[in-house]
Amino acid sequence: MAYFRHLEEQMKRMLALAVKGDRWLITINADPDSLASAMALRHILTRRGCTVGIGQVNEIKRLDNLAMVRYLNIPTHRLIPNLIAQYDRFALVDSQPHHHPEFEKLHYAIVIDHHPLVPEKPVKADYVDIKPEYGATCTILTEYLYTLKLRPPKLLATGLVFGIKSDTQGFERKFVDADIKAFQYLNKYADSALIKRIARSEYHLDWLRYFSRAFYTQRRIGQAIFAFVGRVENPDVLVIIADFFTRVHGIPWNAVAGIYLEKLVIIFRGDGRRKNMGQFASCLFGDIGSAGGHKDAARAEIELKHILDRDPEKYAADRLIRGCGIKAKKS
């Protein structure tokens, strides 16, 4: 029995796209899974004689992401027209083109992801490998490295281990056997001390005020918690607060909202059992913005101009209340 999937023919198809001398740009929405996946694909393509860059659509401010970039020497830059103009081939990892307006502007030769597929938004690329059942995109790239007999260098293995650990929340979220196998395989080459250093770089002192706002504004919507923290310097803080609320006993799901760059951003977290967060977010906000995600984690972004003069906090709460069909009450 093979350790991973049989991917020899698949790798031939993907590598046929990588011609020596090509200039590739790997685009990401930076988080641990996407950063490490981009590292791995860059490792593969550079060995085909290609020049490879990485460009992220978001500003990296979350401290564990910054720690990854710093300690693992990840050469990523903000995705702007001047960067795009330097490359002629494009790849996308840990996302699909419809996940972000900047992604939709590019024609991709390669798309590798583990997020759910949206039937009405098919992914078009020369090479597509999307595995929604996988816990992390890093697992897919680890399979590629193994198939190509490319032993991951220490920093790459460290990043891939952290990416799998982060996206599966230490295997508390959805995962498959391949995620466990990849984690075990990579651990032989990874730097465990460096993983701990990155993992502990989570909270910025200035972000504690957002926790205070979330505690003050929290309200119950049925069995769930909704909190609004106002304007934030980075939407990653909403993710951190939403992840924190998942640890509250008896709360099956939560939604944390804030304003970032004239957008209302709502982060959903759930236990993956009673409510599908991705479908829930899409049903509630997909008609007015971008929304979707996994069974236990999702995100919605709505431009403020689309909700006119309505109060963003009340707008988000009212939609959540209508979506649940219940009355809300203050905690």
C-alpha atoms as a PDB file:
ATOM      1  CA  MET A   1       0.000   0.000   0.000  1.00  0.00           C
ATOM      2  CA  ALA A   2       1.320   3.450  -0.949  1.00  0.00           C
ATOM      3  CA  TYR A   3       1.952   5.932   1.840  1.00  0.00           C
ATOM      4  CA  PHE A   4       0.114   8.681  -0.086  1.00  0.00           C
ATOM      5  CA  ARG A   5      -2.072   8.868  -3.199  1.00  0.00           C
ATOM      6  CA  HIS A   6      -0.641   7.604  -6.496  1.00  0.00           C
ATOM      7  CA  LEU A   7       0.082  10.924  -8.175  1.00  0.00           C
ATOM      8  CA  GLU A   8       2.722  10.128 -10.769  1.00  0.00           C
ATOM      9  CA  GLU A   9       0.514  10.867 -13.786  1.00  0.00           C
ATOM     10  CA  GLN A  10      -0.971  13.907 -12.061  1.00  0.00           C
ATOM     11  CA  MET A  11       2.495  15.306 -11.389  1.00  0.00           C
ATOM     12  CA  LYS A  12       3.448  14.822 -15.035  1.00  0.00           C
ATOM     13  CA  ARG A  13       0.461  16.957 -16.053  1.00  0.00           C
ATOM     14  CA  MET A  14       1.301  19.696 -13.578  1.00  0.00           C
ATOM     15  CA  LEU A  15       5.035  19.774 -14.287  1.00  0.00           C
ATOM     16  CA  ALA A  16       4.385  19.910 -18.036  1.00  0.00           C
ATOM     17  CA  LEU A  17       3.148  23.452 -17.372  1.00  0.00           C
ATOM     18  CA  ALA A  18       6.451  24.477 -15.767  1.00  0.00           C
ATOM     19  CA  VAL A  19       8.937  25.294 -18.528  1.00  0.00           C
ATOM     20  CA  LYS A  20      12.490  26.291 -17.666  1.00  0.00           C
ATOM     21  CA  GLY A  21      12.796  30.063 -17.672  1.00  0.00           C
ATOM     22  CA  ASP A  22       9.108  30.727 -16.906  1.00  0.00           C
ATOM     23  CA  ARG A  23       8.330  33.368 -14.304  1.00  0.00           C
ATOM     24  CA  TRP A  24       5.666  32.145 -11.878  1.00  0.00           C
ATOM     25  CA  LEU A  25       3.778  34.103  -9.246  1.00  0.00           C
ATOM     26  CA  ILE A  26       2.005  32.082  -6.531  1.00  0.00           C
ATOM     27  CA  THR A  27      -0.879  34.097  -5.083  1.00  0.00           C
ATOM     28  CA  ILE A  28      -2.319  33.577  -1.603  1.00  0.00           C
ATOM     29  CA  ASN A  29      -4.532  35.009   1.105  1.00  0.00           C
ATOM     30  CA  ALA A  30      -1.819  34.721   3.715  1.00  0.00           C
ATOM     31  CA  ASP A  31      -2.373  32.376   6.646  1.00  0.00           C
ATOM     32  CA  PRO A  32      -0.241  29.472   7.913  1.00  0.00           C
ATOM     33  CA  ASP A  33      -1.700  26.925   5.464  1.00  0.00           C
ATOM     34  CA  SER A  34      -1.372  29.149   2.401  1.00  0.00           C
ATOM     35  CA  LEU A  35       2.093  30.451   3.303  1.00  0.00           C
ATOM     36  CA  ALA A  36       3.518  26.950   3.746  1.00  0.00           C
ATOM     37  CA  SER A  37       1.708  25.628   0.652  1.00  0.00           C
ATOM     38  CA  ALA A  38       3.190  28.466  -1.403  1.00  0.00           C
ATOM     39  CA  MET A  39       6.640  27.598  -0.037  1.00  0.00           C
ATOM     40  CA  ALA A  40       6.186  23.989  -1.149  1.00  0.00           C
ATOM     41  CA  LEU A  41       4.952  24.813  -4.651  1.00  0.00           C
ATOM     42  CA  ARG A  42       7.788  27.322  -5.021  1.00  0.00           C
ATOM     43  CA  HIS A  43      10.245  24.576  -4.010  1.00  0.00           C
ATOM     44  CA  ILE A  44       8.828  22.307  -6.728  1.00  0.00           C
ATOM     45  CA  LEU A  45       8.748  24.921  -9.499  1.00  0.00           C
ATOM     46  CA  THR A  46      12.229  26.307  -8.853  1.00  0.00           C
ATOM     47  CA  ARG A  47      13.599  22.816  -9.376  1.00  0.00           C
ATOM     48  CA  ARG A  48      12.130  22.963 -12.861  1.00  0.00           C
ATOM     49  CA  GLY A  49      14.281  26.015 -13.585  1.00  0.00           C
ATOM     50  CA  CYS A  50      11.500  28.545 -13.044  1.00  0.00           C
ATOM     51  CA  THR A  51      11.710  31.899 -11.285  1.00  0.00           C
ATOM     52  CA  VAL A  52       9.025  31.921  -8.594  1.00  0.00           C
ATOM     53  CA  GLY A  53       7.579  34.693  -6.442  1.00  0.00           C
ATOM     54  CA  ILE A  54       4.784  34.794  -3.859  1.00  0.00           C
ATOM     55  CA  GLY A  55       2.168  37.536  -3.608  1.00  0.00           C
ATOM     56  CA  GLN A  56      -0.464  37.913  -0.893  1.00  0.00           C
ATOM     57  CA  VAL A  57      -3.731  39.872  -1.228  1.00  0.00           C
ATOM     58  CA  ASN A  58      -3.951  40.707   2.477  1.00  0.00           C
ATOM     59  CA  GLU A  59      -1.709  42.772   4.703  1.00  0.00           C
ATOM     60  CA  ILE A  60       0.104  40.430   7.069  1.00  0.00           C
ATOM     61  CA  LYS A  61      -0.316  41.622  10.648  1.00  0.00           C
ATOM     62  CA  ARG A  62      -1.315  38.524  12.576  1.00  0.00           C
ATOM     63  CA  LEU A  63       1.690  37.669  14.684  1.00  0.00           C
ATOM     64  CA  ASP A  64       1.931  33.935  13.932  1.00  0.00           C
ATOM     65  CA  ASN A  65       1.858  34.764  10.207  1.00  0.00           C
ATOM     66  CA  LEU A  66       4.556  37.392  10.669  1.00  0.00           C
ATOM     67  CA  ALA A  67       6.592  34.873  12.658  1.00  0.00           C
ATOM     68  CA  MET A  68       6.308  32.337   9.823  1.00  0.00           C
ATOM     69  CA  VAL A  69       7.454  34.861   7.243  1.00  0.00           C
ATOM     70  CA  ARG A  70      10.385  35.889   9.426  1.00  0.00           C
ATOM     71  CA  TYR A  71      11.606  32.557  10.790  1.00  0.00           C
ATOM     72  CA  LEU A  72      10.971  30.516   7.621  1.00  0.00           C
ATOM     73  CA  ASN A  73      12.332  33.164   5.210  1.00  0.00           C
ATOM     74  CA  ILE A  74       9.168  33.262   3.083  1.00  0.00           C
ATOM     75  CA  PRO A  75       9.682  35.806   0.256  1.00  0.00           C
ATOM     76  CA  THR A  76       6.092  37.046  -0.005  1.00  0.00           C
ATOM     77  CA  HIS A  77       5.027  40.520  -1.118  1.00  0.00           C
ATOM     78  CA  ARG A  78       1.761  42.429  -1.371  1.00  0.00           C
ATOM     79  CA  LEU A  79      -0.089  41.593  -4.594  1.00  0.00           C
ATOM     80  CA  ILE A  80      -0.039  44.859  -6.547  1.00  0.00           C
ATOM     81  CA  PRO A  81       0.027  45.574 -10.315  1.00  0.00           C
ATOM     82  CA  ASN A  82       3.780  46.239 -10.324  1.00  0.00           C
ATOM     83  CA  LEU A  83       4.417  42.785  -8.824  1.00  0.00           C
ATOM     84  CA  ILE A  84       2.011  41.032 -11.200  1.00  0.00           C
ATOM     85  CA  ALA A  85       3.680  42.674 -14.226  1.00  0.00           C
ATOM     86  CA  GLN A  86       6.939  40.881 -13.413  1.00  0.00           C
ATOM     87  CA  TYR A  87       5.436  37.405 -14.011  1.00  0.00           C
ATOM     88  CA  ASP A  88       3.854  35.529 -16.921  1.00  0.00           C
ATOM     89  CA  ARG A  89       2.406  32.391 -15.214  1.00  0.00           C
ATOM     90  CA  PHE A  90       0.173  32.313 -12.150  1.00  0.00           C
ATOM     91  CA  ALA A  91      -0.702  29.737  -9.504  1.00  0.00           C
ATOM     92  CA  LEU A  92      -3.183  29.910  -6.628  1.00  0.00           C
ATOM     93  CA  VAL A  93      -2.934  27.824  -3.455  1.00  0.00           C
ATOM     94  CA  ASP A  94      -5.325  27.439  -0.509  1.00  0.00           C
ATOM     95  CA  SER A  95      -7.977  29.535  -2.289  1.00  0.00           C
ATOM     96  CA  GLN A  96     -10.138  29.606  -5.377  1.00  0.00           C
ATOM     97  CA  PRO A  97     -10.423  32.547  -7.794  1.00  0.00           C
ATOM     98  CA  HIS A  98     -13.878  33.589  -6.558  1.00  0.00           C
ATOM     99  CA  HIS A  99     -12.603  33.898  -2.978  1.00  0.00           C
ATOM    100  CA  HIS A 100     -11.154  37.373  -3.609  1.00  0.00           C
ATOM    101  CA  PRO A 101     -11.666  40.071  -6.287  1.00  0.00           C
ATOM    102  CA  GLU A 102      -7.896  40.326  -6.887  1.00  0.00           C
ATOM    103  CA  PHE A 103      -7.709  36.598  -7.633  1.00  0.00           C
ATOM    104  CA  GLU A 104     -10.472  36.885 -10.208  1.00  0.00           C
ATOM    105  CA  LYS A 105      -8.375  39.308 -12.275  1.00  0.00           C
ATOM    106  CA  LEU A 106      -5.742  36.668 -13.097  1.00  0.00           C
ATOM    107  CA  HIS A 107      -5.745  33.624 -15.374  1.00  0.00           C
ATOM    108  CA  TYR A 108      -4.366  30.700 -13.408  1.00  0.00           C
ATOM    109  CA  ALA A 109      -2.402  27.792 -14.792  1.00  0.00           C
ATOM    110  CA  ILE A 110      -2.456  25.984 -11.420  1.00  0.00           C
ATOM    111  CA  VAL A 111      -5.068  26.002  -8.625  1.00  0.00           C
ATOM    112  CA  ILE A 112      -4.560  23.790  -5.547  1.00  0.00           C
ATOM    113  CA  ASP A 113      -6.976  24.046  -2.634  1.00  0.00           C
ATOM    114  CA  HIS A 114      -8.980  22.229   0.040  1.00  0.00           C
ATOM    115  CA  HIS A 115     -11.928  24.601   0.476  1.00  0.00           C
ATOM    116  CA  PRO A 116     -15.453  23.493  -0.549  1.00  0.00           C
ATOM    117  CA  LEU A 117     -16.381  23.767  -4.195  1.00  0.00           C
ATOM    118  CA  VAL A 118     -19.198  26.106  -5.229  1.00  0.00           C
ATOM    119  CA  PRO A 119     -21.063  24.540  -8.183  1.00  0.00           C
ATOM    120  CA  GLU A 120     -22.127  27.888  -9.634  1.00  0.00           C
ATOM    121  CA  LYS A 121     -18.521  29.166  -9.473  1.00  0.00           C
ATOM    122  CA  PRO A 122     -16.415  26.474 -11.175  1.00  0.00           C
ATOM    123  CA  VAL A 123     -12.646  26.786 -11.018  1.00  0.00           C
ATOM    124  CA  LYS A 124     -11.030  27.204 -14.424  1.00  0.00           C
ATOM    125  CA  ALA A 125      -7.309  26.546 -14.764  1.00  0.00           C
ATOM    126  CA  ASP A 126      -4.967  24.353 -16.781  1.00  0.00           C
ATOM    127  CA  TYR A 127      -4.343  22.227 -13.686  1.00  0.00           C
ATOM    128  CA  VAL A 128      -6.846  21.999 -10.805  1.00  0.00           C
ATOM    129  CA  ASP A 129      -6.504  19.871  -7.662  1.00  0.00           C
ATOM    130  CA  ILE A 130      -9.172  20.645  -5.072  1.00  0.00           C
ATOM    131  CA  LYS A 131      -9.723  18.249  -2.172  1.00  0.00           C
ATOM    132  CA  PRO A 132     -12.489  19.627   0.117  1.00  0.00           C
ATOM    133  CA  GLU A 133     -12.251  16.566   2.351  1.00  0.00           C
ATOM    134  CA  TYR A 134      -8.637  17.372   3.293  1.00  0.00           C
ATOM    135  CA  GLY A 135      -7.933  19.315   6.457  1.00  0.00           C
ATOM    136  CA  ALA A 136      -5.176  21.438   4.907  1.00  0.00           C
ATOM    137  CA  THR A 137      -3.758  22.387   1.520  1.00  0.00           C
ATOM    138  CA  CYS A 138      -0.337  21.665   3.035  1.00  0.00           C
ATOM    139  CA  THR A 139      -1.255  17.987   2.996  1.00  0.00           C
ATOM    140  CA  ILE A 140      -1.798  18.061  -0.772  1.00  0.00           C
ATOM    141  CA  LEU A 141       1.586  19.729  -1.324  1.00  0.00           C
ATOM    142  CA  THR A 142       3.263  17.214   0.989  1.00  0.00           C
ATOM    143  CA  GLU A 143       1.885  14.439  -1.217  1.00  0.00           C
ATOM    144  CA  TYR A 144       3.397  16.204  -4.226  1.00  0.00           C
ATOM    145  CA  LEU A 145       6.826  16.439  -2.595  1.00  0.00           C
ATOM    146  CA  TYR A 146       6.699  12.761  -1.629  1.00  0.00           C
ATOM    147  CA  THR A 147       5.644  11.673  -5.132  1.00  0.00           C
ATOM    148  CA  LEU A 148       8.421  13.756  -6.715  1.00  0.00           C
ATOM    149  CA  LYS A 149      10.942  12.327  -4.228  1.00  0.00           C
ATOM    150  CA  LEU A 150      11.782  15.812  -2.975  1.00  0.00           C
ATOM    151  CA  ARG A 151      12.765  15.618   0.675  1.00  0.00           C
ATOM    152  CA  PRO A 152      11.498  18.834   2.311  1.00  0.00           C
ATOM    153  CA  PRO A 153      14.241  21.057   3.771  1.00  0.00           C
ATOM    154  CA  LYS A 154      13.931  21.825   7.475  1.00  0.00           C
ATOM    155  CA  LEU A 155      12.257  25.233   7.120  1.00  0.00           C
ATOM    156  CA  LEU A 156       9.780  23.972   4.517  1.00  0.00           C
ATOM    157  CA  ALA A 157       8.898  20.915   6.622  1.00  0.00           C
ATOM    158  CA  THR A 158       8.454  23.182   9.645  1.00  0.00           C
ATOM    159  CA  GLY A 159       6.073  25.434   7.724  1.00  0.00           C
ATOM    160  CA  LEU A 160       4.041  22.513   6.376  1.00  0.00           C
ATOM    161  CA  VAL A 161       3.696  20.958   9.836  1.00  0.00           C
ATOM    162  CA  PHE A 162       2.530  24.272  11.276  1.00  0.00           C
ATOM    163  CA  GLY A 163       0.118  24.780   8.359  1.00  0.00           C
ATOM    164  CA  ILE A 164      -1.517  21.380   8.922  1.00  0.00           C
ATOM    165  CA  LYS A 165      -1.616  21.902  12.671  1.00  0.00           C
ATOM    166  CA  SER A 166      -3.140  25.364  12.258  1.00  0.00           C
ATOM    167  CA  ASP A 167      -5.860  24.509   9.725  1.00  0.00           C
ATOM    168  CA  THR A 168      -6.954  21.361  11.569  1.00  0.00           C
ATOM    169  CA  GLN A 169      -6.631  23.131  14.941  1.00  0.00           C
ATOM    170  CA  GLY A 170      -4.385  20.361  16.198  1.00  0.00           C
ATOM    171  CA  PHE A 171      -6.652  17.739  14.567  1.00  0.00           C
ATOM    172  CA  GLU A 172      -9.721  18.994  16.417  1.00  0.00           C
ATOM    173  CA  ARG A 173     -11.286  20.130  13.130  1.00  0.00           C
ATOM    174  CA  LYS A 174     -12.113  17.980  10.104  1.00  0.00           C
ATOM    175  CA  PHE A 175      -9.219  15.903   8.786  1.00  0.00           C
ATOM    176  CA  VAL A 176      -8.553  12.704   6.857  1.00  0.00           C
ATOM    177  CA  ASP A 177      -5.902   9.985   7.083  1.00  0.00           C
ATOM    178  CA  ALA A 178      -3.728  11.843   4.568  1.00  0.00           C
ATOM    179  CA  ASP A 179      -3.452  14.803   6.975  1.00  0.00           C
ATOM    180  CA  ILE A 180      -2.171  12.543   9.747  1.00  0.00           C
ATOM    181  CA  LYS A 181       0.244  10.770   7.401  1.00  0.00           C
ATOM    182  CA  ALA A 182       1.600  14.089   6.108  1.00  0.00           C
ATOM    183  CA  PHE A 183       1.998  15.392   9.662  1.00  0.00           C
ATOM    184  CA  GLN A 184       3.894  12.260  10.720  1.00  0.00           C
ATOM    185  CA  TYR A 185       6.086  12.236   7.616  1.00  0.00           C
ATOM    186  CA  LEU A 186       7.020  15.923   7.913  1.00  0.00           C
ATOM    187  CA  ASN A 187       7.809  15.724  11.620  1.00  0.00           C
ATOM    188  CA  LYS A 188      10.958  13.751  10.788  1.00  0.00           C
ATOM    189  CA  TYR A 189      12.383  16.831   9.074  1.00  0.00           C
ATOM    190  CA  ALA A 190      10.757  19.749  10.935  1.00  0.00           C
ATOM    191  CA  ASP A 191      12.194  21.913  13.718  1.00  0.00           C
ATOM    192  CA  SER A 192       9.867  21.374  16.706  1.00  0.00           C
ATOM    193  CA  ALA A 193      11.390  24.240  18.699  1.00  0.00           C
ATOM    194  CA  LEU A 194      10.737  26.630  15.815  1.00  0.00           C
ATOM    195  CA  ILE A 195       7.126  25.431  15.544  1.00  0.00           C
ATOM    196  CA  LYS A 196       6.591  26.269  19.217  1.00  0.00           C
ATOM    197  CA  ARG A 197       8.155  29.701  18.723  1.00  0.00           C
ATOM    198  CA  ILE A 198       5.802  30.467  15.826  1.00  0.00           C
ATOM    199  CA  ALA A 199       2.731  29.080  17.631  1.00  0.00           C
ATOM    200  CA  ARG A 200       3.326  31.294  20.657  1.00  0.00           C
ATOM    201  CA  SER A 201       3.422  34.445  18.505  1.00  0.00           C
ATOM    202  CA  GLU A 202      -0.356  34.915  18.562  1.00  0.00           C
ATOM    203  CA  TYR A 203      -1.392  38.049  20.432  1.00  0.00           C
ATOM    204  CA  HIS A 204      -0.374  41.665  20.083  1.00  0.00           C
ATOM    205  CA  LEU A 205      -0.740  43.813  23.216  1.00  0.00           C
ATOM    206  CA  ASP A 206      -2.775  46.417  21.299  1.00  0.00           C
ATOM    207  CA  TRP A 207      -5.310  43.758  20.297  1.00  0.00           C
ATOM    208  CA  LEU A 208      -6.477  43.204  23.873  1.00  0.00           C
ATOM    209  CA  ARG A 209      -8.761  46.230  23.552  1.00  0.00           C
ATOM    210  CA  TYR A 210     -10.719  44.378  20.865  1.00  0.00           C
ATOM    211  CA  PHE A 211     -11.329  41.527  23.291  1.00  0.00           C
ATOM    212  CA  SER A 212     -12.688  44.102  25.744  1.00  0.00           C
ATOM    213  CA  ARG A 213     -15.103  45.423  23.089  1.00  0.00           C
ATOM    214  CA  ALA A 214     -16.175  41.910  22.161  1.00  0.00           C
ATOM    215  CA  PHE A 215     -16.940  41.042  25.796  1.00  0.00           C
ATOM    216  CA  TYR A 216     -18.901  44.284  26.198  1.00  0.00           C
ATOM    217  CA  THR A 217     -20.988  43.968  23.010  1.00  0.00           C
ATOM    218  CA  GLN A 218     -21.581  40.209  23.057  1.00  0.00           C
ATOM    219  CA  ARG A 219     -25.176  39.097  22.824  1.00  0.00           C
ATOM    220  CA  ARG A 220     -26.883  35.763  22.629  1.00  0.00           C
ATOM    221  CA  ILE A 221     -28.630  34.725  19.427  1.00  0.00           C
ATOM    222  CA  GLY A 222     -30.314  31.498  20.418  1.00  0.00           C
ATOM    223  CA  GLN A 223     -27.488  29.278  21.637  1.00  0.00           C
ATOM    224  CA  ALA A 224     -24.844  31.336  19.835  1.00  0.00           C
ATOM    225  CA  ILE A 225     -22.757  34.412  20.647  1.00  0.00           C
ATOM    226  CA  PHE A 226     -22.556  37.475  18.410  1.00  0.00           C
ATOM    227  CA  ALA A 227     -20.039  40.248  19.118  1.00  0.00           C
ATOM    228  CA  PHE A 228     -19.195  43.467  17.280  1.00  0.00           C
ATOM    229  CA  VAL A 229     -15.826  45.129  17.881  1.00  0.00           C
ATOM    230  CA  GLY A 230     -16.055  48.196  15.617  1.00  0.00           C
ATOM    231  CA  ARG A 231     -13.171  49.257  13.391  1.00  0.00           C
ATOM    232  CA  VAL A 232     -10.115  46.999  13.453  1.00  0.00           C
ATOM    233  CA  GLU A 233      -6.584  47.509  12.162  1.00  0.00           C
ATOM    234  CA  ASN A 234      -6.584  43.971  10.770  1.00  0.00           C
ATOM    235  CA  PRO A 235      -9.406  41.426  10.343  1.00  0.00           C
ATOM    236  CA  ASP A 236      -7.184  38.678  11.760  1.00  0.00           C
ATOM    237  CA  VAL A 237      -8.119  39.911  15.231  1.00  0.00           C
ATOM    238  CA  LEU A 238     -11.724  38.921  14.488  1.00  0.00           C
ATOM    239  CA  VAL A 239     -10.508  35.394  13.731  1.00  0.00           C
ATOM    240  CA  ILE A 240      -8.626  35.231  17.029  1.00  0.00           C
ATOM    241  CA  ILE A 241     -11.660  36.393  19.025  1.00  0.00           C
ATOM    242  CA  ALA A 242     -13.990  33.993  17.193  1.00  0.00           C
ATOM    243  CA  ASP A 243     -11.577  31.122  17.890  1.00  0.00           C
ATOM    244  CA  PHE A 244     -11.545  32.164  21.569  1.00  0.00           C
ATOM    245  CA  PHE A 245     -15.354  32.008  21.790  1.00  0.00           C
ATOM    246  CA  THR A 246     -15.292  28.405  20.518  1.00  0.00           C
ATOM    247  CA  ARG A 247     -13.819  27.495  23.900  1.00  0.00           C
ATOM    248  CA  VAL A 248     -16.876  28.759  25.801  1.00  0.00           C
ATOM    249  CA  HIS A 249     -18.828  25.799  27.167  1.00  0.00           C
ATOM    250  CA  GLY A 250     -22.296  25.290  25.732  1.00  0.00           C
ATOM    251  CA  ILE A 251     -21.854  27.638  22.754  1.00  0.00           C
ATOM    252  CA  PRO A 252     -22.139  25.628  19.502  1.00  0.00           C
ATOM    253  CA  TRP A 253     -21.289  28.556  17.209  1.00  0.00           C
ATOM    254  CA  ASN A 254     -20.376  32.233  17.222  1.00  0.00           C
ATOM    255  CA  ALA A 255     -20.013  35.202  14.887  1.00  0.00           C
ATOM    256  CA  VAL A 256     -17.613  38.105  15.446  1.00  0.00           C
ATOM    257  CA  ALA A 257     -17.913  41.214  13.271  1.00  0.00           C
ATOM    258  CA  GLY A 258     -15.929  44.388  12.689  1.00  0.00           C
ATOM    259  CA  ILE A 259     -15.179  47.085  10.129  1.00  0.00           C
ATOM    260  CA  TYR A 260     -12.024  46.891   8.027  1.00  0.00           C
ATOM    261  CA  LEU A 261     -11.240  49.128   5.023  1.00  0.00           C
ATOM    262  CA  GLU A 262     -14.896  50.144   4.538  1.00  0.00           C
ATOM    263  CA  LYS A 263     -16.056  46.550   4.679  1.00  0.00           C
ATOM    264  CA  LEU A 264     -18.149  44.743   7.255  1.00  0.00           C
ATOM    265  CA  VAL A 265     -16.234  41.532   8.013  1.00  0.00           C
ATOM    266  CA  ILE A 266     -17.945  38.693   9.875  1.00  0.00           C
ATOM    267  CA  ILE A 267     -16.063  35.610  11.077  1.00  0.00           C
ATOM    268  CA  PHE A 268     -18.057  32.466  11.866  1.00  0.00           C
ATOM    269  CA  ARG A 269     -16.917  29.572  14.008  1.00  0.00           C
ATOM    270  CA  GLY A 270     -18.870  26.451  14.941  1.00  0.00           C
ATOM    271  CA  ASP A 271     -18.559  22.939  16.285  1.00  0.00           C
ATOM    272  CA  GLY A 272     -19.214  21.472  12.817  1.00  0.00           C
ATOM    273  CA  ARG A 273     -22.177  19.443  14.075  1.00  0.00           C
ATOM    274  CA  ARG A 274     -25.364  21.472  14.415  1.00  0.00           C
ATOM    275  CA  LYS A 275     -24.871  24.106  11.736  1.00  0.00           C
ATOM    276  CA  ASN A 276     -22.764  24.290   8.572  1.00  0.00           C
ATOM    277  CA  MET A 277     -21.006  27.649   8.955  1.00  0.00           C
ATOM    278  CA  GLY A 278     -20.017  27.929   5.288  1.00  0.00           C
ATOM    279  CA  GLN A 279     -23.554  27.367   4.038  1.00  0.00           C
ATOM    280  CA  PHE A 280     -25.002  29.561   6.783  1.00  0.00           C
ATOM    281  CA  ALA A 281     -22.719  32.495   5.929  1.00  0.00           C
ATOM    282  CA  SER A 282     -23.410  32.108   2.221  1.00  0.00           C
ATOM    283  CA  CYS A 283     -27.185  32.021   2.721  1.00  0.00           C
ATOM    284  CA  LEU A 284     -27.177  35.068   4.989  1.00  0.00           C
ATOM    285  CA  PHE A 285     -24.711  37.327   3.195  1.00  0.00           C
ATOM    286  CA  GLY A 286     -23.942  35.787  -0.218  1.00  0.00           C
ATOM    287  CA  ASP A 287     -26.543  37.987  -1.897  1.00  0.00           C
ATOM    288  CA  ILE A 288     -24.798  41.209  -0.888  1.00  0.00           C
ATOM    289  CA  GLY A 289     -21.115  40.295  -0.518  1.00  0.00           C
ATOM    290  CA  SER A 290     -18.621  37.434  -0.566  1.00  0.00           C
ATOM    291  CA  ALA A 291     -19.428  34.671   1.915  1.00  0.00           C
ATOM    292  CA  GLY A 292     -18.639  31.004   2.478  1.00  0.00           C
ATOM    293  CA  GLY A 293     -16.188  28.607   4.052  1.00  0.00           C
ATOM    294  CA  HIS A 294     -15.996  25.286   5.836  1.00  0.00           C
ATOM    295  CA  LYS A 295     -18.515  23.431   7.969  1.00  0.00           C
ATOM    296  CA  ASP A 296     -16.919  24.796  11.147  1.00  0.00           C
ATOM    297  CA  ALA A 297     -15.336  28.051   9.925  1.00  0.00           C
ATOM    298  CA  ALA A 298     -16.553  30.714   7.521  1.00  0.00           C
ATOM    299  CA  ARG A 299     -16.261  34.379   6.585  1.00  0.00           C
ATOM    300  CA  ALA A 300     -18.417  37.079   5.039  1.00  0.00           C
ATOM    301  CA  GLU A 301     -17.334  40.467   3.691  1.00  0.00           C
ATOM    302  CA  ILE A 302     -19.804  43.196   2.709  1.00  0.00           C
ATOM    303  CA  GLU A 303     -18.861  46.641   1.431  1.00  0.00           C
ATOM    304  CA  LEU A 304     -20.405  49.310   3.662  1.00  0.00           C
ATOM    305  CA  LYS A 305     -21.832  51.114   0.647  1.00  0.00           C
ATOM    306  CA  HIS A 306     -24.104  48.122   0.058  1.00  0.00           C
ATOM    307  CA  ILE A 307     -25.798  48.440   3.438  1.00  0.00           C
ATOM    308  CA  LEU A 308     -26.350  52.181   2.933  1.00  0.00           C
ATOM    309  CA  ASP A 309     -26.897  54.126   6.151  1.00  0.00           C
ATOM    310  CA  ARG A 310     -27.792  51.146   8.299  1.00  0.00           C
ATOM    311  CA  ASP A 311     -25.768  50.594  11.447  1.00  0.00           C
ATOM    312  CA  PRO A 312     -23.305  47.737  10.642  1.00  0.00           C
ATOM    313  CA  GLU A 313     -23.678  46.083  14.047  1.00  0.00           C
ATOM    314  CA  LYS A 314     -27.486  46.128  13.890  1.00  0.00           C
ATOM    315  CA  TYR A 315     -27.439  45.037  10.240  1.00  0.00           C
ATOM    316  CA  ALA A 316     -25.280  41.975  10.984  1.00  0.00           C
ATOM    317  CA  ALA A 317     -27.241  41.069  14.115  1.00  0.00           C
ATOM    318  CA  ASP A 318     -30.620  41.397  12.363  1.00  0.00           C
ATOM    319  CA  ARG A 319     -29.526  39.104   9.525  1.00  0.00           C
ATOM    320  CA  LEU A 320     -28.225  36.536  11.995  1.00  0.00           C
ATOM    321  CA  ILE A 321     -31.461  36.700  13.977  1.00  0.00           C
ATOM    322  CA  ARG A 322     -33.593  36.273  10.855  1.00  0.00           C
ATOM    323  CA  GLY A 323     -31.348  33.447   9.690  1.00  0.00           C
ATOM    324  CA  CYS A 324     -31.842  31.626  12.978  1.00  0.00           C
ATOM    325  CA  GLY A 325     -35.514  32.511  13.202  1.00  0.00           C
ATOM    326  CA  ILE A 326     -35.282  33.391  16.890  1.00  0.00           C
ATOM    327  CA  LYS A 327     -35.180  36.412  19.179  1.00  0.00           C
ATOM    328  CA  ALA A 328     -31.837  37.670  20.441  1.00  0.00           C
ATOM    329  CA  LYS A 329     -31.074  38.606  24.002  1.00  0.00           C
ATOM    330  CA  LYS A 330     -28.208  40.385  25.739  1.00  0.00           C
ATOM    331  CA  SER A 331     -25.771  38.141  27.637  1.00  0.00           C
END
